[in-house]
Amino acid sequence: MGDESREVELKVRVDAATLEGLRHRLAHVSPSVHRQRDLHFRIPERVLRLREQDGTWFLTRKGPTDLFADGTRSREEIEQEVPVAVVPLFIETFEWLGFPRSVEVRKVREEYRLDDVTCCIDRIDGLDGVFVELEILGQTAAESRLSEVRERLGLGACPVETRGYARLVAEREGGVG
């Protein structure tokens, strides 16, 4: 199967001035920019997602979320690239098993690698504002590492967003994510 690990992430909303400062702090790092399309399937307390990124498809399964006091979220995540030819079969099978498509999230993601932390600047179609996610894969003291990077990047005063993009888009559309 794919890489099985624990993802730890912190998501904040940023205003224009904070975004400008962040870009200045990241000027020494070349980002990779991706257009992503996420198809989410309704499974309580978990995530089942098919993601198209730059023409390549990935199947992602995320377990229940542990939420910490500072807004950091942690959960098991397994992701595997899948051939485009099986995507329609996966969609049909998930729905046949009783997991209907719940929401589609489209975004442009700028991804910056900062040693062990990934910093993503996300613009989500249909949502106002810009989000920044800091992510690290299951290492000891991950929460404190994300907090350190958050402060170093000037994001300490930004409001934390504990909901996933699928939930935010679904709430915006009046549905359930």
Protein backbone atom coordinates (compact mmCIF):
# COMPACT_ATOMS: atom_id res chain seq x y z
CA MET A 1 0.00 0.00 0.00
CA GLY A 2 1.05 3.65 0.23
CA ASP A 3 3.00 5.40 2.91
CA GLU A 4 1.20 5.01 6.20
CA SER A 5 2.03 7.72 8.67
CA ARG A 6 0.65 10.27 11.02
CA GLU A 7 0.10 13.70 9.54
CA VAL A 8 0.24 16.67 11.91
CA GLU A 9 -1.01 19.98 10.56
CA LEU A 10 -1.90 23.50 11.57
CA LYS A 11 -4.08 25.68 9.34
CA VAL A 12 -4.48 29.45 9.65
CA ARG A 13 -6.29 32.15 7.71
CA VAL A 14 -4.07 34.99 6.55
CA ASP A 15 -4.80 38.54 5.50
CA ALA A 16 -3.06 40.36 2.65
CA ALA A 17 -0.37 41.95 4.84
CA THR A 18 0.50 38.65 6.53
CA LEU A 19 0.61 36.90 3.15
CA GLU A 20 3.03 39.54 1.84
CA GLY A 21 5.26 39.08 4.89
CA LEU A 22 5.13 35.30 4.53
CA ARG A 23 6.13 35.48 0.86
CA HIS A 24 9.06 37.69 1.87
CA ARG A 25 10.17 35.15 4.51
CA LEU A 26 9.86 32.32 1.96
CA ALA A 27 11.63 34.18 -0.86
CA HIS A 28 14.68 31.90 -0.57
CA VAL A 29 12.56 28.78 -1.21
CA SER A 30 11.23 27.85 -4.66
CA PRO A 31 7.62 26.70 -4.44
CA SER A 32 5.92 24.04 -6.46
CA VAL A 33 2.50 25.21 -7.59
CA HIS A 34 -0.32 22.73 -8.13
CA ARG A 35 -3.94 22.86 -9.19
CA GLN A 36 -5.82 20.28 -7.12
CA ARG A 37 -9.30 18.84 -7.44
CA ASP A 38 -10.49 16.78 -4.47
CA LEU A 39 -13.55 14.52 -4.60
CA HIS A 40 -14.69 13.74 -1.05
CA PHE A 41 -16.96 10.86 -0.05
CA ARG A 42 -19.21 10.99 3.01
CA ILE A 43 -17.78 8.84 5.80
CA PRO A 44 -18.37 10.03 9.38
CA GLU A 45 -15.24 11.07 11.33
CA ARG A 46 -12.91 10.02 8.49
CA VAL A 47 -11.80 11.21 5.06
CA LEU A 48 -11.97 9.24 1.83
CA ARG A 49 -10.75 11.38 -1.04
CA LEU A 50 -9.74 11.10 -4.67
CA ARG A 51 -7.38 13.93 -5.63
CA GLU A 52 -6.38 14.99 -9.09
CA GLN A 53 -3.17 16.99 -9.07
CA ASP A 54 -1.66 18.12 -12.32
CA GLY A 55 -3.25 15.19 -14.19
CA THR A 56 -2.25 12.52 -11.65
CA TRP A 57 -4.78 10.86 -9.32
CA PHE A 58 -4.29 9.86 -5.68
CA LEU A 59 -6.51 7.92 -3.30
CA THR A 60 -6.29 9.19 0.27
CA ARG A 61 -7.67 7.71 3.47
CA LYS A 62 -7.48 9.68 6.72
CA GLY A 63 -8.46 8.41 10.14
CA PRO A 64 -10.21 10.23 12.97
CA THR A 65 -8.71 13.58 13.95
CA ASP A 66 -7.02 14.35 17.25
CA LEU A 67 -7.40 18.08 17.90
CA PHE A 68 -5.01 19.81 20.29
CA ALA A 69 -5.58 23.02 22.27
CA ASP A 70 -3.49 25.15 19.88
CA GLY A 71 -5.56 24.04 16.88
CA THR A 72 -3.02 21.49 15.65
CA ARG A 73 -4.64 18.41 14.15
CA SER A 74 -3.16 14.93 13.95
CA ARG A 75 -4.38 11.79 12.22
CA GLU A 76 -3.31 8.75 10.30
CA GLU A 77 -3.05 9.34 6.57
CA ILE A 78 -2.50 6.82 3.80
CA GLU A 79 -2.14 8.05 0.22
CA GLN A 80 -1.45 6.14 -2.97
CA GLU A 81 -1.23 7.17 -6.60
CA VAL A 82 -3.86 5.41 -8.70
CA PRO A 83 -4.17 4.98 -12.47
CA VAL A 84 -6.61 7.39 -14.08
CA ALA A 85 -8.42 4.42 -15.67
CA VAL A 86 -9.66 3.16 -12.26
CA VAL A 87 -10.97 6.51 -10.97
CA PRO A 88 -14.52 6.07 -12.40
CA LEU A 89 -14.64 2.55 -10.92
CA PHE A 90 -13.55 3.87 -7.51
CA ILE A 91 -16.22 6.58 -7.58
CA GLU A 92 -18.92 4.07 -8.55
CA THR A 93 -17.72 1.54 -5.95
CA PHE A 94 -17.59 4.06 -3.07
CA GLU A 95 -21.13 5.19 -3.87
CA TRP A 96 -22.29 1.57 -4.26
CA LEU A 97 -20.87 0.85 -0.78
CA GLY A 98 -22.95 3.70 0.64
CA PHE A 99 -20.35 6.49 0.66
CA PRO A 100 -21.79 9.16 -1.64
CA ARG A 101 -19.76 12.06 -2.96
CA SER A 102 -20.17 14.86 -0.50
CA VAL A 103 -18.23 17.79 -1.89
CA GLU A 104 -15.64 18.78 -4.46
CA VAL A 105 -12.82 21.08 -3.41
CA ARG A 106 -10.76 22.89 -6.02
CA LYS A 107 -7.69 24.82 -5.04
CA VAL A 108 -4.40 26.28 -6.12
CA ARG A 109 -1.64 25.26 -3.75
CA GLU A 110 1.82 26.79 -3.47
CA GLU A 111 3.99 24.28 -1.64
CA TYR A 112 7.23 25.23 0.09
CA ARG A 113 9.53 22.61 1.66
CA LEU A 114 11.19 23.86 4.84
CA ASP A 115 13.33 20.90 5.96
CA ASP A 116 10.83 18.61 7.71
CA VAL A 117 7.85 20.98 7.43
CA THR A 118 5.75 21.71 4.36
CA CYS A 119 4.21 25.18 4.15
CA CYS A 120 1.24 25.40 1.79
CA ILE A 121 -0.44 28.60 0.68
CA ASP A 122 -3.93 27.62 -0.46
CA ARG A 123 -6.58 29.50 -2.40
CA ILE A 124 -9.82 27.53 -2.34
CA ASP A 125 -12.43 28.08 -5.05
CA GLY A 126 -15.58 29.47 -3.44
CA LEU A 127 -13.97 30.47 -0.13
CA ASP A 128 -12.90 33.97 0.78
CA GLY A 129 -9.33 34.60 1.81
CA VAL A 130 -6.13 32.64 1.79
CA PHE A 131 -5.14 29.76 4.06
CA VAL A 132 -1.71 28.58 5.11
CA GLU A 133 -1.18 24.99 6.21
CA LEU A 134 1.93 23.81 8.01
CA GLU A 135 2.33 20.03 7.79
CA ILE A 136 4.77 17.53 9.17
CA LEU A 137 4.69 13.75 8.97
CA GLY A 138 4.51 11.91 12.30
CA GLN A 139 7.57 12.85 14.19
CA THR A 140 8.05 13.22 17.91
CA ALA A 141 7.29 16.75 19.14
CA ALA A 142 5.60 17.63 15.83
CA GLU A 143 3.18 20.06 17.51
CA SER A 144 6.00 22.10 19.05
CA ARG A 145 7.91 22.05 15.74
CA LEU A 146 4.86 23.44 13.90
CA SER A 147 4.43 26.10 16.57
CA GLU A 148 8.08 27.12 16.16
CA VAL A 149 7.75 27.35 12.36
CA ARG A 150 4.44 29.22 12.69
CA GLU A 151 6.12 31.91 14.79
CA ARG A 152 9.22 32.06 12.55
CA LEU A 153 7.01 32.64 9.50
CA GLY A 154 5.06 35.44 11.20
CA LEU A 155 1.80 33.49 11.46
CA GLY A 156 1.48 33.53 15.26
CA ALA A 157 -1.37 36.07 15.36
CA CYS A 158 -3.37 34.48 12.53
CA PRO A 159 -6.66 32.78 13.45
CA VAL A 160 -6.45 28.98 13.47
CA GLU A 161 -8.92 27.07 11.29
CA THR A 162 -9.63 23.58 12.64
CA ARG A 163 -12.13 22.58 9.94
CA GLY A 164 -10.98 20.87 6.77
CA TYR A 165 -11.48 22.45 3.37
CA ALA A 166 -14.23 19.96 2.52
CA ARG A 167 -16.24 21.04 5.56
CA LEU A 168 -15.67 24.73 4.84
CA VAL A 169 -16.81 24.35 1.22
CA ALA A 170 -19.81 22.23 2.26
CA GLU A 171 -20.84 24.80 4.88
CA ARG A 172 -20.52 27.53 2.26
CA GLU A 173 -22.76 25.50 -0.06
CA GLY A 174 -25.22 24.74 2.76
CA GLY A 175 -24.40 21.02 2.99
CA VAL A 176 -22.39 18.61 5.11
CA GLY A 177 -18.69 17.95 4.39
